[in-house]
Amino acid sequence: MIYREAGDFKTSYTADNQTFPIRFDRTGYWVILIAAAFLVPFVITDYWASALLVPFLIYAIAALGLNILTGYCGQVSLGTGGFMAVGAYSAYKLMTAFPWMDMFTITILSGFITAAVGAAFGLPSLRIKGFYLAVATLAAQFFLVWMFNKVSWFYNYSASGQISAPERSVFGIVVTGPNTQAWAQYTFCLIFVVALAWVARNLTRGTVGRKWMAIRDMDIAAEIIGVNPLRAKLSAFAISSFFIGVSGSLFFTVYLGAVEVGEAFGIQKSFLVLFMVIIGGLGSIFGSFAGAAFLVLLPVVLKLVGVDLFGWPTDIVAHLNLVIVGGLIVFFLIVEPHGLAQLWRLTKEKLRLWPFPH
């Protein structure tokens, strides 16, 4: 087997602490990244962009954000859909108020606006936790959706209440609007995914991440050893909301182009991202990607197999999707709480010891 540590020597602390300590993992990472950046844009089609790749990238960012808050800091949140709506409406107001502003700036500013809103709604976490914090964030979800529905300033007093993304380009390439090409949508989202995944990995491995995990494991003990719970929890809410706001901005501007807040960012969106984190694995960067990939790919596979191959009714396939997702959530919560990420870790451990696995 080629999956071995033998002969892979470390000569510095930096090399010893790298994300992928085994050469095979490092090589595979760079192969995937190079293929995603330089091969996929040339072969991507409109179907693969709209059905799989673009939603996967956007949901991966949202799952990363929720995993920072719930998986690393232990603060339960059911308001992901509402915070995605904040990012979407922030992007819309910035695009209409500042038509000269480029899309990179608009998306990043939308994330910062969502971070401020998330930190404000994270204040109750200083006094409540667990089920009660989940209810508080659920209240934030309903409040934000209600506000965007009722305050007409957010949708520029449109009679329909719907918001539509104006056409914008980056370096002369259109990335929003009806004339956007599939490869441009994909590449624009990929840039944010790679950058934010790098940020998340470094944050969770550093001092900030260790403080989050100390709060998650035992907040009283963490406070005794010098961790400031106010700063740790609010920073987790703010950074998590930044990620989610960026994903909401991309979901509106690049992916959908036009949204109505109740349909696009309802409570089902919050549960969908939460299911991605549960199935993928709490407290894992890889788990965020695995959960997003699984829940984006599953409906497509079921449609291809159930509807196209066996001719089942569409509503039966849709219900089957819900049954499978529900069953998997129960399975992972009982059998493997750390999700697909833990299964992947166990598989790699067995490969490293092959032919003598535990």
Protein backbone atom coordinates (compact mmCIF):
# COMPACT_ATOMS: atom_id res chain seq x y z
CA MET A 1 0.00 0.00 0.00
CA ILE A 2 1.14 3.55 -0.74
CA TYR A 3 -0.68 5.07 2.24
CA ARG A 4 2.24 4.96 4.65
CA GLU A 5 4.17 7.22 7.01
CA ALA A 6 7.41 5.27 6.57
CA GLY A 7 10.14 7.48 5.15
CA ASP A 8 8.08 10.66 5.67
CA PHE A 9 10.42 12.52 8.02
CA LYS A 10 9.72 15.85 9.72
CA THR A 11 12.59 18.30 10.20
CA SER A 12 10.72 21.27 11.70
CA TYR A 13 7.79 22.10 13.97
CA THR A 14 5.97 23.57 11.00
CA ALA A 15 6.20 20.31 9.09
CA ASP A 16 5.18 18.33 12.15
CA ASN A 17 2.04 20.46 12.68
CA GLN A 18 0.88 20.64 9.08
CA THR A 19 -2.71 19.80 8.23
CA PHE A 20 -1.78 16.76 6.13
CA PRO A 21 1.17 15.01 7.82
CA ILE A 22 1.20 12.10 5.34
CA ARG A 23 2.63 12.78 1.88
CA PHE A 24 -0.17 10.86 0.16
CA ASP A 25 -2.79 13.16 1.77
CA ARG A 26 -0.85 16.28 0.76
CA THR A 27 -0.53 15.08 -2.81
CA GLY A 28 -4.23 14.18 -2.98
CA TYR A 29 -5.20 17.60 -1.60
CA TRP A 30 -3.20 19.46 -4.22
CA VAL A 31 -4.46 17.22 -7.03
CA ILE A 32 -8.06 17.88 -6.02
CA LEU A 33 -7.47 21.62 -5.64
CA ILE A 34 -5.69 21.92 -8.99
CA ALA A 35 -8.39 19.88 -10.74
CA ALA A 36 -11.13 22.00 -9.14
CA ALA A 37 -9.44 25.24 -10.18
CA PHE A 38 -8.03 24.43 -13.61
CA LEU A 39 -9.98 21.44 -14.97
CA VAL A 40 -13.59 21.68 -13.79
CA PRO A 41 -14.22 25.22 -15.19
CA PHE A 42 -13.43 23.94 -18.69
CA VAL A 43 -15.76 20.92 -18.57
CA ILE A 44 -18.59 22.18 -16.34
CA THR A 45 -22.11 22.39 -17.79
CA ASP A 46 -25.11 24.43 -16.72
CA TYR A 47 -26.76 21.33 -15.23
CA TRP A 48 -23.76 20.29 -13.15
CA ALA A 49 -23.27 23.87 -11.98
CA SER A 50 -26.89 24.46 -10.92
CA ALA A 51 -27.63 20.97 -9.59
CA LEU A 52 -24.40 20.04 -7.85
CA LEU A 53 -21.24 22.10 -7.84
CA VAL A 54 -22.40 25.66 -7.07
CA PRO A 55 -24.88 24.66 -4.32
CA PHE A 56 -22.26 22.33 -2.85
CA LEU A 57 -19.71 25.14 -2.60
CA ILE A 58 -22.23 27.56 -1.09
CA TYR A 59 -23.59 25.08 1.43
CA ALA A 60 -20.04 24.06 2.35
CA ILE A 61 -19.36 27.65 3.44
CA ALA A 62 -22.59 27.70 5.50
CA ALA A 63 -21.72 24.34 7.07
CA LEU A 64 -18.23 25.60 7.91
CA GLY A 65 -19.79 28.59 9.66
CA LEU A 66 -22.26 26.54 11.66
CA ASN A 67 -19.57 24.00 12.53
CA ILE A 68 -17.40 26.76 13.98
CA LEU A 69 -20.25 27.77 16.27
CA THR A 70 -21.78 24.39 17.13
CA GLY A 71 -19.00 21.90 16.51
CA TYR A 72 -16.04 23.86 17.88
CA CYS A 73 -17.63 26.24 20.40
CA GLY A 74 -20.60 24.08 21.44
CA GLN A 75 -23.24 26.80 20.95
CA VAL A 76 -26.37 25.33 19.37
CA SER A 77 -27.93 27.47 16.63
CA LEU A 78 -31.12 27.08 14.62
CA GLY A 79 -30.95 30.49 12.97
CA THR A 80 -28.73 29.71 10.00
CA GLY A 81 -31.43 30.46 7.45
CA GLY A 82 -32.08 33.86 9.00
CA PHE A 83 -28.39 34.78 8.97
CA MET A 84 -28.14 33.65 5.35
CA ALA A 85 -31.03 36.04 4.65
CA VAL A 86 -29.06 38.86 6.31
CA GLY A 87 -26.17 38.17 3.95
CA ALA A 88 -28.47 38.04 0.93
CA TYR A 89 -30.33 41.26 1.71
CA SER A 90 -27.10 43.03 2.67
CA ALA A 91 -25.69 42.12 -0.74
CA TYR A 92 -28.87 43.34 -2.44
CA LYS A 93 -28.84 46.71 -0.68
CA LEU A 94 -25.12 47.17 -1.39
CA MET A 95 -25.56 46.25 -5.07
CA THR A 96 -28.44 48.68 -5.55
CA ALA A 97 -27.00 51.51 -3.43
CA PHE A 98 -23.43 51.29 -4.76
CA PRO A 99 -23.57 50.12 -8.39
CA TRP A 100 -19.83 50.80 -8.79
CA MET A 101 -18.84 48.36 -6.04
CA ASP A 102 -17.28 45.08 -7.16
CA MET A 103 -18.73 41.70 -6.18
CA PHE A 104 -15.79 40.64 -4.01
CA THR A 105 -16.24 43.71 -1.83
CA ILE A 106 -20.03 43.31 -1.75
CA THR A 107 -19.79 39.67 -0.66
CA ILE A 108 -17.20 40.38 2.04
CA LEU A 109 -19.12 43.39 3.37
CA SER A 110 -22.28 41.27 3.48
CA GLY A 111 -20.37 38.82 5.65
CA PHE A 112 -19.25 41.57 8.03
CA ILE A 113 -22.80 42.92 8.33
CA THR A 114 -24.04 39.42 9.13
CA ALA A 115 -21.23 39.02 11.66
CA ALA A 116 -22.44 42.11 13.53
CA VAL A 117 -26.03 40.82 13.51
CA GLY A 118 -24.89 37.37 14.61
CA ALA A 119 -22.86 38.79 17.49
CA ALA A 120 -25.90 40.77 18.64
CA PHE A 121 -28.11 37.68 18.62
CA GLY A 122 -25.30 35.75 20.31
CA LEU A 123 -25.51 37.86 23.46
CA PRO A 124 -28.05 35.47 25.10
CA SER A 125 -25.39 32.72 24.93
CA LEU A 126 -23.65 34.44 27.85
CA ARG A 127 -26.55 33.48 30.13
CA ILE A 128 -28.26 30.51 28.51
CA LYS A 129 -27.07 27.39 26.70
CA GLY A 130 -28.27 24.10 25.29
CA PHE A 131 -31.97 23.83 24.51
CA TYR A 132 -32.71 27.38 25.63
CA LEU A 133 -30.01 28.83 23.36
CA ALA A 134 -31.42 26.80 20.46
CA VAL A 135 -34.84 28.33 21.11
CA ALA A 136 -33.29 31.83 21.24
CA THR A 137 -31.58 31.35 17.88
CA LEU A 138 -34.81 29.91 16.50
CA ALA A 139 -36.52 33.13 17.59
CA ALA A 140 -33.81 35.04 15.70
CA GLN A 141 -34.62 32.98 12.61
CA PHE A 142 -38.32 33.86 12.73
CA PHE A 143 -37.66 37.50 13.61
CA LEU A 144 -35.23 38.05 10.73
CA VAL A 145 -37.53 36.42 8.17
CA TRP A 146 -40.47 38.46 9.48
CA MET A 147 -38.43 41.68 9.34
CA PHE A 148 -37.30 41.14 5.75
CA ASN A 149 -40.89 40.35 4.79
CA LYS A 150 -42.53 43.31 6.52
CA VAL A 151 -40.01 46.17 6.22
CA SER A 152 -40.27 47.17 2.57
CA TRP A 153 -37.02 49.17 2.67
CA PHE A 154 -35.07 45.91 2.53
CA TYR A 155 -36.57 44.98 -0.85
CA ASN A 156 -36.60 48.59 -2.15
CA TYR A 157 -40.39 48.89 -1.86
CA SER A 158 -40.98 46.30 -4.58
CA ALA A 159 -44.65 45.37 -5.00
CA SER A 160 -43.86 41.66 -5.17
CA GLY A 161 -41.51 41.64 -2.17
CA GLN A 162 -38.95 39.75 -4.24
CA ILE A 163 -35.34 40.85 -4.67
CA SER A 164 -33.34 40.33 -7.87
CA ALA A 165 -29.58 40.58 -8.25
CA PRO A 166 -28.41 43.15 -10.85
CA GLU A 167 -25.79 42.09 -13.34
CA ARG A 168 -22.25 42.50 -12.03
CA SER A 169 -18.90 41.49 -13.46
CA VAL A 170 -15.45 40.75 -12.03
CA PHE A 171 -12.49 41.60 -14.28
CA GLY A 172 -14.94 41.85 -17.16
CA ILE A 173 -16.52 38.43 -16.46
CA VAL A 174 -20.22 38.46 -15.54
CA VAL A 175 -20.83 36.59 -12.26
CA THR A 176 -24.40 37.69 -11.41
CA GLY A 177 -27.52 38.18 -13.48
CA PRO A 178 -29.19 36.12 -16.24
CA ASN A 179 -26.17 36.21 -18.55
CA THR A 180 -23.80 34.48 -16.15
CA GLN A 181 -21.94 31.45 -17.45
CA ALA A 182 -21.68 28.26 -15.39
CA TRP A 183 -17.89 28.31 -15.13
CA ALA A 184 -17.91 31.92 -13.89
CA GLN A 185 -20.43 31.11 -11.13
CA TYR A 186 -18.43 28.07 -10.10
CA THR A 187 -15.06 29.81 -10.09
CA PHE A 188 -16.32 32.81 -8.13
CA CYS A 189 -17.76 30.54 -5.42
CA LEU A 190 -14.66 28.33 -5.42
CA ILE A 191 -12.43 31.31 -4.58
CA PHE A 192 -14.47 32.02 -1.44
CA VAL A 193 -14.61 28.35 -0.45
CA VAL A 194 -10.84 27.91 -0.63
CA ALA A 195 -10.14 31.18 1.19
CA LEU A 196 -12.69 30.61 3.96
CA ALA A 197 -11.70 26.96 4.45
CA TRP A 198 -8.09 28.11 4.90
CA VAL A 199 -9.23 30.75 7.42
CA ALA A 200 -11.39 28.23 9.31
CA ARG A 201 -8.59 25.67 9.47
CA ASN A 202 -6.10 28.18 10.86
CA LEU A 203 -8.58 29.63 13.35
CA THR A 204 -9.57 26.24 14.74
CA ARG A 205 -5.95 25.11 15.09
CA GLY A 206 -4.83 28.31 16.82
CA THR A 207 -5.42 30.06 20.11
CA VAL A 208 -8.93 31.17 19.17
CA GLY A 209 -9.98 27.65 18.28
CA ARG A 210 -8.57 26.22 21.49
CA LYS A 211 -10.58 28.74 23.48
CA TRP A 212 -13.73 27.75 21.59
CA MET A 213 -13.10 24.07 22.31
CA ALA A 214 -12.44 24.81 25.97
CA ILE A 215 -15.81 26.57 26.20
CA ARG A 216 -17.45 23.66 24.37
CA ASP A 217 -15.98 20.98 26.62
CA MET A 218 -16.54 22.72 29.98
CA ASP A 219 -17.20 26.43 30.11
CA ILE A 220 -16.73 26.79 33.87
CA ALA A 221 -13.31 25.12 33.79
CA ALA A 222 -12.36 27.22 30.77
CA GLU A 223 -13.20 30.41 32.63
CA ILE A 224 -11.13 29.25 35.60
CA ILE A 225 -8.02 28.75 33.46
CA GLY A 226 -8.36 32.23 31.95
CA VAL A 227 -10.62 31.91 28.91
CA ASN A 228 -12.93 34.91 28.62
CA PRO A 229 -16.38 33.39 27.88
CA LEU A 230 -17.76 36.71 26.61
CA ARG A 231 -15.00 37.12 24.04
CA ALA A 232 -14.92 33.43 23.06
CA LYS A 233 -18.66 33.01 22.53
CA LEU A 234 -19.23 36.31 20.77
CA SER A 235 -16.23 35.73 18.51
CA ALA A 236 -17.64 32.32 17.60
CA PHE A 237 -21.04 33.84 16.80
CA ALA A 238 -19.46 36.66 14.79
CA ILE A 239 -17.08 34.51 12.75
CA SER A 240 -19.72 31.84 12.21
CA SER A 241 -22.19 34.48 11.05
CA PHE A 242 -19.56 35.95 8.71
CA PHE A 243 -19.23 32.60 6.96
CA ILE A 244 -23.00 32.14 6.83
CA GLY A 245 -23.50 35.70 5.56
CA VAL A 246 -21.04 35.10 2.73
CA SER A 247 -22.88 31.89 1.82
CA GLY A 248 -26.23 33.73 1.88
CA SER A 249 -24.85 36.46 -0.34
CA LEU A 250 -23.53 33.91 -2.86
CA PHE A 251 -26.76 31.91 -2.65
CA PHE A 252 -28.75 34.98 -3.69
CA THR A 253 -26.44 36.81 -6.08
CA VAL A 254 -24.65 33.98 -7.87
CA TYR A 255 -26.86 30.90 -7.52
CA LEU A 256 -30.53 31.93 -7.49
CA GLY A 257 -30.44 35.50 -8.78
CA ALA A 258 -33.86 36.27 -7.33
CA VAL A 259 -35.31 35.21 -3.97
CA GLU A 260 -38.27 35.65 -1.68
CA VAL A 261 -37.14 35.44 1.91
CA GLY A 262 -39.79 33.06 3.23
CA GLU A 263 -39.19 30.49 0.51
CA ALA A 264 -35.40 30.72 0.20
CA PHE A 265 -34.36 31.29 3.82
CA GLY A 266 -37.06 29.67 5.92
CA ILE A 267 -36.59 27.35 8.87
CA GLN A 268 -36.03 24.41 6.50
CA LYS A 269 -32.78 26.06 5.40
CA SER A 270 -31.56 26.19 8.99
CA PHE A 271 -32.33 22.51 9.49
CA LEU A 272 -30.69 21.58 6.18
CA VAL A 273 -27.36 23.16 7.16
CA LEU A 274 -27.64 21.65 10.65
CA PHE A 275 -28.17 18.20 9.11
CA MET A 276 -25.06 18.73 6.97
CA VAL A 277 -23.02 19.38 10.09
CA ILE A 278 -24.50 16.41 11.97
CA ILE A 279 -24.02 13.93 9.12
CA GLY A 280 -20.62 15.32 8.13
CA GLY A 281 -19.25 15.51 11.66
CA LEU A 282 -19.21 18.10 14.42
CA GLY A 283 -15.90 19.86 14.98
CA SER A 284 -14.42 18.89 11.62
CA ILE A 285 -13.54 21.01 8.59
CA PHE A 286 -13.64 17.93 6.37
CA GLY A 287 -17.00 16.99 7.91
CA SER A 288 -18.51 20.28 6.74
CA PHE A 289 -17.55 19.49 3.15
CA ALA A 290 -18.61 15.84 3.44
CA GLY A 291 -22.03 16.71 4.88
CA ALA A 292 -22.65 19.39 2.26
CA ALA A 293 -21.60 17.06 -0.55
CA PHE A 294 -23.79 14.24 0.74
CA LEU A 295 -26.98 16.26 1.15
CA VAL A 296 -26.53 18.07 -2.17
CA LEU A 297 -25.73 14.87 -4.05
CA LEU A 298 -28.42 12.66 -2.47
CA PRO A 299 -31.49 14.26 -4.14
CA VAL A 300 -29.74 14.21 -7.53
CA VAL A 301 -28.84 10.52 -7.18
CA LEU A 302 -32.35 9.63 -6.02
CA LYS A 303 -33.83 11.48 -8.99
CA LEU A 304 -31.53 9.74 -11.47
CA VAL A 305 -32.20 6.31 -9.96
CA GLY A 306 -35.82 6.63 -8.86
CA VAL A 307 -37.39 8.88 -11.49
CA ASP A 308 -35.22 8.41 -14.57
CA LEU A 309 -34.28 4.74 -14.13
CA PHE A 310 -37.25 3.15 -12.36
CA GLY A 311 -39.93 5.67 -13.27
CA TRP A 312 -41.11 6.33 -9.71
CA PRO A 313 -43.31 9.39 -9.07
CA THR A 314 -41.40 12.52 -8.14
CA ASP A 315 -43.24 12.97 -4.84
CA ILE A 316 -42.32 9.43 -3.77
CA VAL A 317 -38.66 10.13 -4.45
CA ALA A 318 -38.87 13.42 -2.51
CA HIS A 319 -40.35 11.62 0.50
CA LEU A 320 -37.72 8.89 0.19
CA ASN A 321 -35.06 11.59 0.40
CA LEU A 322 -36.54 12.82 3.69
CA VAL A 323 -36.72 9.29 5.07
CA ILE A 324 -33.08 8.57 4.21
CA VAL A 325 -31.84 11.85 5.69
CA GLY A 326 -33.87 11.32 8.89
CA GLY A 327 -32.65 7.76 9.25
CA LEU A 328 -29.03 8.80 8.74
CA ILE A 329 -29.31 11.54 11.35
CA VAL A 330 -30.64 9.05 13.92
CA PHE A 331 -27.93 6.55 12.92
CA PHE A 332 -25.07 9.01 13.27
CA LEU A 333 -26.37 10.48 16.54
CA ILE A 334 -26.55 7.00 18.08
CA VAL A 335 -23.76 5.02 16.42
CA GLU A 336 -21.20 7.62 15.31
CA PRO A 337 -21.79 11.15 16.68
CA HIS A 338 -18.76 12.47 14.80
CA GLY A 339 -20.31 11.61 11.44
CA LEU A 340 -18.67 10.93 8.11
CA ALA A 341 -15.46 12.65 9.22
CA GLN A 342 -14.89 10.02 11.91
CA LEU A 343 -15.62 7.19 9.47
CA TRP A 344 -13.04 8.69 7.12
CA ARG A 345 -10.50 8.95 9.95
CA LEU A 346 -11.06 5.29 10.91
CA THR A 347 -10.67 4.24 7.29
CA LYS A 348 -7.34 6.06 7.04
CA GLU A 349 -6.14 4.49 10.29
CA LYS A 350 -6.90 1.02 8.94
CA LEU A 351 -5.13 1.82 5.68
CA ARG A 352 -2.04 2.97 7.57
CA LEU A 353 -1.93 -0.35 9.48
CA TRP A 354 -2.89 -2.59 6.57
CA PRO A 355 -2.62 -5.61 6.31
CA PHE A 356 -2.91 -5.66 10.11
CA PRO A 357 -5.82 -3.29 10.90
CA HIS A 358 -7.48 -3.27 14.30
